Amino acid sequence: MTIQQKNSRNILANITIGELPAAFVSSEIQEDGTMILTCNVNNPGLFFSSEDGKKDAMAVFNESIDAAKELLVKYSESESIN
């Protein structure tokens, strides 16, 4: 998996199996924890036949979910102060 961009609110990753592109995964997280997760599978036969591709996609999903939870907590705390 190649991470193209990663920060506290966005992750863009290309998933390859061997040297062949199999999927593109992206996540966009808003400050309130709202999240958009996208997985574009451009080589389904390769992607779905490989445990590595699925593990890589799940790793991006899990990391995004954890980041969204953290942002939600921070957002909730700032809203309770106001």
PDB file of N, CA and C in Angstrom:
ATOM      1  N   MET A   1       0.853  -1.170   0.000  1.00  0.00           N
ATOM      2  CA  MET A   1       0.000   0.000   0.000  1.00  0.00           C
ATOM      3  C   MET A   1       0.894   1.227   0.000  1.00  0.00           C
ATOM      4  N   THR A   2       0.509   2.195  -0.811  1.00  0.00           N
ATOM      5  CA  THR A   2       1.230   3.453  -0.878  1.00  0.00           C
ATOM      6  C   THR A   2       0.321   4.561  -0.371  1.00  0.00           C
ATOM      7  N   ILE A   3       0.758   5.248   0.672  1.00  0.00           N
ATOM      8  CA  ILE A   3       0.006   6.383   1.198  1.00  0.00           C
ATOM      9  C   ILE A   3       0.408   7.605   0.383  1.00  0.00           C
ATOM     10  N   GLN A   4      -0.551   8.224  -0.299  1.00  0.00           N
ATOM     11  CA  GLN A   4      -0.275   9.423  -1.076  1.00  0.00           C
ATOM     12  C   GLN A   4      -0.327  10.669  -0.211  1.00  0.00           C
ATOM     13  N   GLN A   5      -1.278  10.675   0.696  1.00  0.00           N
ATOM     14  CA  GLN A   5      -1.450  11.830   1.577  1.00  0.00           C
ATOM     15  C   GLN A   5      -2.002  11.330   2.890  1.00  0.00           C
ATOM     16  N   LYS A   6      -1.498  11.910   3.967  1.00  0.00           N
ATOM     17  CA  LYS A   6      -2.014  11.543   5.281  1.00  0.00           C
ATOM     18  C   LYS A   6      -1.826  12.720   6.212  1.00  0.00           C
ATOM     19  N   ASN A   7      -2.915  13.119   6.837  1.00  0.00           N
ATOM     20  CA  ASN A   7      -2.862  14.114   7.900  1.00  0.00           C
ATOM     21  C   ASN A   7      -3.994  13.791   8.866  1.00  0.00           C
ATOM     22  N   SER A   8      -4.288  14.681   9.775  1.00  0.00           N
ATOM     23  CA  SER A   8      -5.281  14.369  10.807  1.00  0.00           C
ATOM     24  C   SER A   8      -6.701  14.232  10.261  1.00  0.00           C
ATOM     25  N   ARG A   9      -6.932  14.686   9.032  1.00  0.00           N
ATOM     26  CA  ARG A   9      -8.291  14.649   8.490  1.00  0.00           C
ATOM     27  C   ARG A   9      -8.441  13.916   7.165  1.00  0.00           C
ATOM     28  N   ASN A  10      -7.355  13.569   6.519  1.00  0.00           N
ATOM     29  CA  ASN A  10      -7.435  12.919   5.210  1.00  0.00           C
ATOM     30  C   ASN A  10      -6.404  11.810   5.080  1.00  0.00           C
ATOM     31  N   ILE A  11      -6.808  10.739   4.427  1.00  0.00           N
ATOM     32  CA  ILE A  11      -5.878   9.679   4.050  1.00  0.00           C
ATOM     33  C   ILE A  11      -6.224   9.293   2.615  1.00  0.00           C
ATOM     34  N   LEU A  12      -5.221   9.263   1.769  1.00  0.00           N
ATOM     35  CA  LEU A  12      -5.362   8.785   0.398  1.00  0.00           C
ATOM     36  C   LEU A  12      -4.344   7.680   0.208  1.00  0.00           C
ATOM     37  N   ALA A  13      -4.797   6.502  -0.225  1.00  0.00           N
ATOM     38  CA  ALA A  13      -3.879   5.369  -0.350  1.00  0.00           C
ATOM     39  C   ALA A  13      -4.179   4.558  -1.606  1.00  0.00           C
ATOM     40  N   ASN A  14      -3.126   4.175  -2.311  1.00  0.00           N
ATOM     41  CA  ASN A  14      -3.222   3.239  -3.422  1.00  0.00           C
ATOM     42  C   ASN A  14      -2.880   1.855  -2.899  1.00  0.00           C
ATOM     43  N   ILE A  15      -3.718   0.890  -3.220  1.00  0.00           N
ATOM     44  CA  ILE A  15      -3.459  -0.483  -2.812  1.00  0.00           C
ATOM     45  C   ILE A  15      -3.033  -1.269  -4.038  1.00  0.00           C
ATOM     46  N   THR A  16      -1.865  -1.864  -3.953  1.00  0.00           N
ATOM     47  CA  THR A  16      -1.360  -2.679  -5.041  1.00  0.00           C
ATOM     48  C   THR A  16      -1.144  -4.096  -4.540  1.00  0.00           C
ATOM     49  N   ILE A  17      -1.313  -5.035  -5.449  1.00  0.00           N
ATOM     50  CA  ILE A  17      -1.027  -6.433  -5.163  1.00  0.00           C
ATOM     51  C   ILE A  17       0.128  -6.784  -6.074  1.00  0.00           C
ATOM     52  N   GLY A  18       1.249  -7.103  -5.480  1.00  0.00           N
ATOM     53  CA  GLY A  18       2.465  -7.213  -6.283  1.00  0.00           C
ATOM     54  C   GLY A  18       2.779  -5.823  -6.800  1.00  0.00           C
ATOM     55  N   GLU A  19       2.820  -5.674  -8.091  1.00  0.00           N
ATOM     56  CA  GLU A  19       3.040  -4.350  -8.676  1.00  0.00           C
ATOM     57  C   GLU A  19       1.801  -3.830  -9.384  1.00  0.00           C
ATOM     58  N   LEU A  20       0.704  -4.561  -9.294  1.00  0.00           N
ATOM     59  CA  LEU A  20      -0.517  -4.185 -10.012  1.00  0.00           C
ATOM     60  C   LEU A  20      -1.463  -3.381  -9.125  1.00  0.00           C
ATOM     61  N   PRO A  21      -1.988  -2.259  -9.638  1.00  0.00           N
ATOM     62  CA  PRO A  21      -2.958  -1.489  -8.858  1.00  0.00           C
ATOM     63  C   PRO A  21      -4.251  -2.280  -8.696  1.00  0.00           C
ATOM     64  N   ALA A  22      -4.776  -2.283  -7.505  1.00  0.00           N
ATOM     65  CA  ALA A  22      -6.001  -3.029  -7.226  1.00  0.00           C
ATOM     66  C   ALA A  22      -7.128  -2.144  -6.706  1.00  0.00           C
ATOM     67  N   ALA A  23      -6.782  -1.094  -5.937  1.00  0.00           N
ATOM     68  CA  ALA A  23      -7.826  -0.247  -5.353  1.00  0.00           C
ATOM     69  C   ALA A  23      -7.235   1.085  -4.901  1.00  0.00           C
ATOM     70  N   PHE A  24      -8.117   2.035  -4.678  1.00  0.00           N
ATOM     71  CA  PHE A  24      -7.764   3.340  -4.131  1.00  0.00           C
ATOM     72  C   PHE A  24      -8.699   3.588  -2.963  1.00  0.00           C
ATOM     73  N   VAL A  25      -8.142   3.933  -1.815  1.00  0.00           N
ATOM     74  CA  VAL A  25      -8.943   4.175  -0.612  1.00  0.00           C
ATOM     75  C   VAL A  25      -8.715   5.608  -0.161  1.00  0.00           C
ATOM     76  N   SER A  26      -9.803   6.284   0.192  1.00  0.00           N
ATOM     77  CA  SER A  26      -9.663   7.641   0.717  1.00  0.00           C
ATOM     78  C   SER A  26     -10.619   7.847   1.877  1.00  0.00           C
ATOM     79  N   SER A  27     -10.211   8.709   2.776  1.00  0.00           N
ATOM     80  CA  SER A  27     -11.091   9.113   3.873  1.00  0.00           C
ATOM     81  C   SER A  27     -10.963  10.608   4.066  1.00  0.00           C
ATOM     82  N   GLU A  28     -12.080  11.216   4.350  1.00  0.00           N
ATOM     83  CA  GLU A  28     -12.131  12.640   4.651  1.00  0.00           C
ATOM     84  C   GLU A  28     -12.925  12.781   5.939  1.00  0.00           C
ATOM     85  N   ILE A  29     -12.318  13.422   6.923  1.00  0.00           N
ATOM     86  CA  ILE A  29     -12.927  13.528   8.243  1.00  0.00           C
ATOM     87  C   ILE A  29     -13.136  15.001   8.579  1.00  0.00           C
ATOM     88  N   GLN A  30     -14.350  15.327   9.001  1.00  0.00           N
ATOM     89  CA  GLN A  30     -14.671  16.687   9.416  1.00  0.00           C
ATOM     90  C   GLN A  30     -14.364  16.852  10.902  1.00  0.00           C
ATOM     91  N   GLU A  31     -14.314  18.084  11.369  1.00  0.00           N
ATOM     92  CA  GLU A  31     -13.944  18.341  12.766  1.00  0.00           C
ATOM     93  C   GLU A  31     -14.925  17.759  13.771  1.00  0.00           C
ATOM     94  N   ASP A  32     -16.169  17.505  13.353  1.00  0.00           N
ATOM     95  CA  ASP A  32     -17.166  16.946  14.273  1.00  0.00           C
ATOM     96  C   ASP A  32     -17.211  15.417  14.228  1.00  0.00           C
ATOM     97  N   GLY A  33     -16.269  14.797  13.507  1.00  0.00           N
ATOM     98  CA  GLY A  33     -16.217  13.344  13.431  1.00  0.00           C
ATOM     99  C   GLY A  33     -16.973  12.764  12.251  1.00  0.00           C
ATOM    100  N   THR A  34     -17.718  13.598  11.520  1.00  0.00           N
ATOM    101  CA  THR A  34     -18.378  13.130  10.305  1.00  0.00           C
ATOM    102  C   THR A  34     -17.297  12.653   9.338  1.00  0.00           C
ATOM    103  N   MET A  35     -17.568  11.529   8.671  1.00  0.00           N
ATOM    104  CA  MET A  35     -16.514  10.931   7.867  1.00  0.00           C
ATOM    105  C   MET A  35     -17.071  10.378   6.560  1.00  0.00           C
ATOM    106  N   ILE A  36     -16.287  10.527   5.500  1.00  0.00           N
ATOM    107  CA  ILE A  36     -16.580   9.903   4.217  1.00  0.00           C
ATOM    108  C   ILE A  36     -15.442   8.935   3.929  1.00  0.00           C
ATOM    109  N   LEU A  37     -15.775   7.661   3.779  1.00  0.00           N
ATOM    110  CA  LEU A  37     -14.800   6.631   3.414  1.00  0.00           C
ATOM    111  C   LEU A  37     -15.145   6.140   2.016  1.00  0.00           C
ATOM    112  N   THR A  38     -14.145   6.066   1.156  1.00  0.00           N
ATOM    113  CA  THR A  38     -14.366   5.610  -0.208  1.00  0.00           C
ATOM    114  C   THR A  38     -13.334   4.553  -0.550  1.00  0.00           C
ATOM    115  N   CYS A  39     -13.803   3.478  -1.167  1.00  0.00           N
ATOM    116  CA  CYS A  39     -12.902   2.449  -1.667  1.00  0.00           C
ATOM    117  C   CYS A  39     -13.279   2.176  -3.114  1.00  0.00           C
ATOM    118  N   ASN A  40     -12.412   2.570  -4.033  1.00  0.00           N
ATOM    119  CA  ASN A  40     -12.628   2.313  -5.451  1.00  0.00           C
ATOM    120  C   ASN A  40     -11.806   1.098  -5.836  1.00  0.00           C
ATOM    121  N   VAL A  41     -12.471   0.012  -6.115  1.00  0.00           N
ATOM    122  CA  VAL A  41     -11.784  -1.217  -6.518  1.00  0.00           C
ATOM    123  C   VAL A  41     -11.716  -1.222  -8.038  1.00  0.00           C
ATOM    124  N   ASN A  42     -10.511  -1.026  -8.570  1.00  0.00           N
ATOM    125  CA  ASN A  42     -10.369  -0.944 -10.017  1.00  0.00           C
ATOM    126  C   ASN A  42      -9.889  -2.252 -10.650  1.00  0.00           C
ATOM    127  N   ASN A  43      -9.585  -3.236  -9.839  1.00  0.00           N
ATOM    128  CA  ASN A  43      -9.215  -4.557 -10.335  1.00  0.00           C
ATOM    129  C   ASN A  43      -9.835  -5.581  -9.381  1.00  0.00           C
ATOM    130  N   PRO A  44     -11.159  -5.800  -9.494  1.00  0.00           N
ATOM    131  CA  PRO A  44     -11.853  -6.624  -8.508  1.00  0.00           C
ATOM    132  C   PRO A  44     -11.342  -8.056  -8.408  1.00  0.00           C
ATOM    133  N   GLY A  45     -11.009  -8.672  -9.533  1.00  0.00           N
ATOM    134  CA  GLY A  45     -10.512 -10.048  -9.478  1.00  0.00           C
ATOM    135  C   GLY A  45      -9.264 -10.157  -8.641  1.00  0.00           C
ATOM    136  N   LEU A  46      -8.357  -9.216  -8.818  1.00  0.00           N
ATOM    137  CA  LEU A  46      -7.109  -9.203  -8.051  1.00  0.00           C
ATOM    138  C   LEU A  46      -7.356  -8.809  -6.595  1.00  0.00           C
ATOM    139  N   PHE A  47      -8.118  -7.733  -6.380  1.00  0.00           N
ATOM    140  CA  PHE A  47      -8.343  -7.229  -5.033  1.00  0.00           C
ATOM    141  C   PHE A  47      -9.045  -8.257  -4.148  1.00  0.00           C
ATOM    142  N   PHE A  48     -10.136  -8.826  -4.632  1.00  0.00           N
ATOM    143  CA  PHE A  48     -10.925  -9.735  -3.809  1.00  0.00           C
ATOM    144  C   PHE A  48     -10.278 -11.100  -3.622  1.00  0.00           C
ATOM    145  N   SER A  49      -9.292 -11.418  -4.459  1.00  0.00           N
ATOM    146  CA  SER A  49      -8.603 -12.702  -4.300  1.00  0.00           C
ATOM    147  C   SER A  49      -7.402 -12.595  -3.366  1.00  0.00           C
ATOM    148  N   SER A  50      -7.094 -11.384  -2.919  1.00  0.00           N
ATOM    149  CA  SER A  50      -5.898 -11.167  -2.104  1.00  0.00           C
ATOM    150  C   SER A  50      -6.251 -10.735  -0.690  1.00  0.00           C
ATOM    151  N   GLU A  51      -5.774 -11.462   0.269  1.00  0.00           N
ATOM    152  CA  GLU A  51      -5.963 -11.047   1.672  1.00  0.00           C
ATOM    153  C   GLU A  51      -5.190  -9.763   1.959  1.00  0.00           C
ATOM    154  N   ASP A  52      -4.041  -9.563   1.319  1.00  0.00           N
ATOM    155  CA  ASP A  52      -3.238  -8.359   1.555  1.00  0.00           C
ATOM    156  C   ASP A  52      -3.996  -7.093   1.172  1.00  0.00           C
ATOM    157  N   GLY A  53      -4.678  -7.113   0.033  1.00  0.00           N
ATOM    158  CA  GLY A  53      -5.446  -5.943  -0.397  1.00  0.00           C
ATOM    159  C   GLY A  53      -6.547  -5.608   0.586  1.00  0.00           C
ATOM    160  N   LYS A  54      -7.260  -6.627   1.025  1.00  0.00           N
ATOM    161  CA  LYS A  54      -8.348  -6.406   1.985  1.00  0.00           C
ATOM    162  C   LYS A  54      -7.798  -5.912   3.324  1.00  0.00           C
ATOM    163  N   LYS A  55      -6.664  -6.458   3.758  1.00  0.00           N
ATOM    164  CA  LYS A  55      -6.049  -6.004   5.018  1.00  0.00           C
ATOM    165  C   LYS A  55      -5.614  -4.551   4.919  1.00  0.00           C
ATOM    166  N   ASP A  56      -5.035  -4.166   3.778  1.00  0.00           N
ATOM    167  CA  ASP A  56      -4.607  -2.783   3.586  1.00  0.00           C
ATOM    168  C   ASP A  56      -5.804  -1.830   3.627  1.00  0.00           C
ATOM    169  N   ALA A  57      -6.891  -2.202   2.948  1.00  0.00           N
ATOM    170  CA  ALA A  57      -8.089  -1.349   2.955  1.00  0.00           C
ATOM    171  C   ALA A  57      -8.638  -1.223   4.370  1.00  0.00           C
ATOM    172  N   MET A  58      -8.718  -2.326   5.086  1.00  0.00           N
ATOM    173  CA  MET A  58      -9.222  -2.287   6.463  1.00  0.00           C
ATOM    174  C   MET A  58      -8.314  -1.460   7.369  1.00  0.00           C
ATOM    175  N   ALA A  59      -7.012  -1.486   7.123  1.00  0.00           N
ATOM    176  CA  ALA A  59      -6.090  -0.677   7.927  1.00  0.00           C
ATOM    177  C   ALA A  59      -6.396   0.809   7.751  1.00  0.00           C
ATOM    178  N   VAL A  60      -6.660   1.235   6.511  1.00  0.00           N
ATOM    179  CA  VAL A  60      -7.015   2.639   6.269  1.00  0.00           C
ATOM    180  C   VAL A  60      -8.356   2.951   6.925  1.00  0.00           C
ATOM    181  N   PHE A  61      -9.337   2.066   6.791  1.00  0.00           N
ATOM    182  CA  PHE A  61     -10.641   2.288   7.415  1.00  0.00           C
ATOM    183  C   PHE A  61     -10.503   2.415   8.930  1.00  0.00           C
ATOM    184  N   ASN A  62      -9.784   1.495   9.549  1.00  0.00           N
ATOM    185  CA  ASN A  62      -9.622   1.519  11.009  1.00  0.00           C
ATOM    186  C   ASN A  62      -8.903   2.773  11.475  1.00  0.00           C
ATOM    187  N   GLU A  63      -7.852   3.165  10.763  1.00  0.00           N
ATOM    188  CA  GLU A  63      -7.124   4.378  11.132  1.00  0.00           C
ATOM    189  C   GLU A  63      -8.028   5.607  11.001  1.00  0.00           C
ATOM    190  N   SER A  64      -8.846   5.634   9.965  1.00  0.00           N
ATOM    191  CA  SER A  64      -9.773   6.754   9.759  1.00  0.00           C
ATOM    192  C   SER A  64     -10.818   6.806  10.861  1.00  0.00           C
ATOM    193  N   ILE A  65     -11.353   5.659  11.223  1.00  0.00           N
ATOM    194  CA  ILE A  65     -12.363   5.599  12.284  1.00  0.00           C
ATOM    195  C   ILE A  65     -11.772   6.080  13.600  1.00  0.00           C
ATOM    196  N   ASP A  66     -10.551   5.669  13.912  1.00  0.00           N
ATOM    197  CA  ASP A  66      -9.898   6.119  15.144  1.00  0.00           C
ATOM    198  C   ASP A  66      -9.696   7.636  15.137  1.00  0.00           C
ATOM    199  N   ALA A  67      -9.275   8.183  13.991  1.00  0.00           N
ATOM    200  CA  ALA A  67      -9.067   9.631  13.892  1.00  0.00           C
ATOM    201  C   ALA A  67     -10.395  10.368  14.039  1.00  0.00           C
ATOM    202  N   ALA A  68     -11.463   9.830  13.449  1.00  0.00           N
ATOM    203  CA  ALA A  68     -12.777  10.465  13.561  1.00  0.00           C
ATOM    204  C   ALA A  68     -13.267  10.464  15.008  1.00  0.00           C
ATOM    205  N   LYS A  69     -13.030   9.367  15.717  1.00  0.00           N
ATOM    206  CA  LYS A  69     -13.426   9.299  17.129  1.00  0.00           C
ATOM    207  C   LYS A  69     -12.705  10.367  17.939  1.00  0.00           C
ATOM    208  N   GLU A  70     -11.405  10.532  17.686  1.00  0.00           N
ATOM    209  CA  GLU A  70     -10.630  11.548  18.410  1.00  0.00           C
ATOM    210  C   GLU A  70     -11.161  12.948  18.119  1.00  0.00           C
ATOM    211  N   LEU A  71     -11.452  13.223  16.849  1.00  0.00           N
ATOM    212  CA  LEU A  71     -11.975  14.542  16.498  1.00  0.00           C
ATOM    213  C   LEU A  71     -13.353  14.770  17.117  1.00  0.00           C
ATOM    214  N   LEU A  72     -14.175  13.736  17.164  1.00  0.00           N
ATOM    215  CA  LEU A  72     -15.490  13.860  17.784  1.00  0.00           C
ATOM    216  C   LEU A  72     -15.363  14.217  19.259  1.00  0.00           C
ATOM    217  N   VAL A  73     -14.452  13.570  19.961  1.00  0.00           N
ATOM    218  CA  VAL A  73     -14.244  13.867  21.380  1.00  0.00           C
ATOM    219  C   VAL A  73     -13.818  15.318  21.555  1.00  0.00           C
ATOM    220  N   LYS A  74     -12.847  15.765  20.749  1.00  0.00           N
ATOM    221  CA  LYS A  74     -12.390  17.164  20.840  1.00  0.00           C
ATOM    222  C   LYS A  74     -13.531  18.129  20.523  1.00  0.00           C
ATOM    223  N   TYR A  75     -14.307  17.797  19.488  1.00  0.00           N
ATOM    224  CA  TYR A  75     -15.429  18.658  19.098  1.00  0.00           C
ATOM    225  C   TYR A  75     -16.473  18.719  20.215  1.00  0.00           C
ATOM    226  N   SER A  76     -16.799  17.576  20.790  1.00  0.00           N
ATOM    227  CA  SER A  76     -17.785  17.524  21.868  1.00  0.00           C
ATOM    228  C   SER A  76     -17.321  18.329  23.073  1.00  0.00           C
ATOM    229  N   GLU A  77     -16.032  18.217  23.395  1.00  0.00           N
ATOM    230  CA  GLU A  77     -15.482  18.976  24.516  1.00  0.00           C
ATOM    231  C   GLU A  77     -15.561  20.474  24.245  1.00  0.00           C
ATOM    232  N   SER A  78     -15.250  20.902  23.019  1.00  0.00           N
ATOM    233  CA  SER A  78     -15.289  22.330  22.715  1.00  0.00           C
ATOM    234  C   SER A  78     -16.719  22.843  22.686  1.00  0.00           C
ATOM    235  N   GLU A  79     -17.667  22.007  22.260  1.00  0.00           N
ATOM    236  CA  GLU A  79     -19.074  22.405  22.261  1.00  0.00           C
ATOM    237  C   GLU A  79     -19.616  22.529  23.678  1.00  0.00           C
ATOM    238  N   SER A  80     -19.156  21.679  24.591  1.00  0.00           N
ATOM    239  CA  SER A  80     -19.649  21.745  25.978  1.00  0.00           C
ATOM    240  C   SER A  80     -19.105  22.972  26.694  1.00  0.00           C
ATOM    241  N   ILE A  81     -17.960  23.461  26.264  1.00  0.00           N
ATOM    242  CA  ILE A  81     -17.384  24.683  26.868  1.00  0.00           C
ATOM    243  C   ILE A  81     -18.196  25.899  26.430  1.00  0.00           C
ATOM    244  N   ASN A  82     -18.642  25.877  25.189  1.00  0.00           N
ATOM    245  CA  ASN A  82     -19.409  27.022  24.654  1.00  0.00           C
ATOM    246  C   ASN A  82     -20.783  26.922  25.150  1.00  0.00           C
TER     247      ASN A  82
END
